[in-house]
Amino acid sequence: MKPHIKDKLKKAGKNTKRLQLSTGRLKDVPKEVEGCSGLVNLDLFGNNIESIPDWFFKLQKLKFL
């Protein structure tokens, strides 16, 4: 995981609406994203994520992936 992605995840919280984690060398969806219940837009472009965790489907406000 690239350092700028770690910084973004530290600042993310339940009121975060947009999170850009593109080209972050991610292999999994970071666990910190689970706490972003207000997330509407999640950018994971350019990573190597192969599966989506079960908790991901609890992000009910997510419209753009």
Protein backbone atom coordinates (compact mmCIF):
# COMPACT_ATOMS: atom_id res chain seq x y z
CA MET A 1 0.00 0.00 0.00
CA LYS A 2 1.35 3.38 -0.97
CA PRO A 3 1.87 5.99 1.80
CA HIS A 4 -0.68 8.46 0.38
CA ILE A 5 -3.35 5.75 0.62
CA LYS A 6 -2.53 5.17 4.30
CA ASP A 7 -2.94 8.90 4.95
CA LYS A 8 -6.34 8.98 3.24
CA LEU A 9 -7.53 5.98 5.25
CA LYS A 10 -6.45 7.60 8.54
CA LYS A 11 -8.58 10.66 7.74
CA ALA A 12 -11.60 8.66 6.51
CA GLY A 13 -14.59 8.27 8.80
CA LYS A 14 -18.33 7.69 8.85
CA ASN A 15 -18.99 11.10 7.23
CA THR A 16 -16.60 10.53 4.32
CA LYS A 17 -18.57 10.65 1.07
CA ARG A 18 -15.79 10.19 -1.48
CA LEU A 19 -12.64 8.12 -1.20
CA GLN A 20 -10.05 7.83 -3.96
CA LEU A 21 -7.73 4.87 -3.48
CA SER A 22 -6.69 4.43 -7.11
CA THR A 23 -3.30 2.98 -8.02
CA GLY A 24 -2.50 2.28 -4.39
CA ARG A 25 -1.08 -1.23 -4.89
CA LEU A 26 -4.00 -2.69 -2.96
CA LYS A 27 -4.70 -6.43 -3.02
CA ASP A 28 -7.73 -6.23 -0.71
CA VAL A 29 -10.33 -3.61 0.10
CA PRO A 30 -8.87 -1.91 3.21
CA LYS A 31 -10.72 -2.72 6.44
CA GLU A 32 -10.84 1.01 7.27
CA VAL A 33 -13.39 1.47 4.46
CA GLU A 34 -15.92 -0.49 6.53
CA GLY A 35 -16.22 2.45 8.93
CA CYS A 36 -17.13 4.86 6.12
CA SER A 37 -20.89 4.31 6.31
CA GLY A 38 -21.64 7.57 4.45
CA LEU A 39 -19.49 6.61 1.46
CA VAL A 40 -21.12 7.42 -1.89
CA ASN A 41 -18.13 7.23 -4.25
CA LEU A 42 -15.24 4.76 -3.92
CA ASP A 43 -12.44 4.76 -6.50
CA LEU A 44 -10.37 1.57 -6.48
CA PHE A 45 -9.13 1.84 -10.09
CA GLY A 46 -5.68 0.47 -10.84
CA ASN A 47 -5.39 -1.92 -7.88
CA ASN A 48 -5.15 -5.72 -7.81
CA ILE A 49 -8.26 -6.46 -5.76
CA GLU A 50 -9.61 -9.91 -6.57
CA SER A 51 -12.48 -10.28 -4.11
CA ILE A 52 -14.95 -8.16 -2.18
CA PRO A 53 -15.35 -8.77 1.59
CA ASP A 54 -18.82 -9.54 3.01
CA TRP A 55 -18.94 -6.30 5.04
CA PHE A 56 -18.61 -4.31 1.79
CA PHE A 57 -22.30 -4.83 1.05
CA LYS A 58 -23.22 -2.92 4.23
CA LEU A 59 -22.14 0.32 2.53
CA GLN A 60 -25.73 1.13 1.64
CA LYS A 61 -25.10 4.67 0.39
CA LEU A 62 -22.40 3.58 -2.08
CA LYS A 63 -23.50 4.47 -5.62
CA PHE A 64 -20.24 4.69 -7.58
CA LEU A 65 -17.50 2.08 -7.51
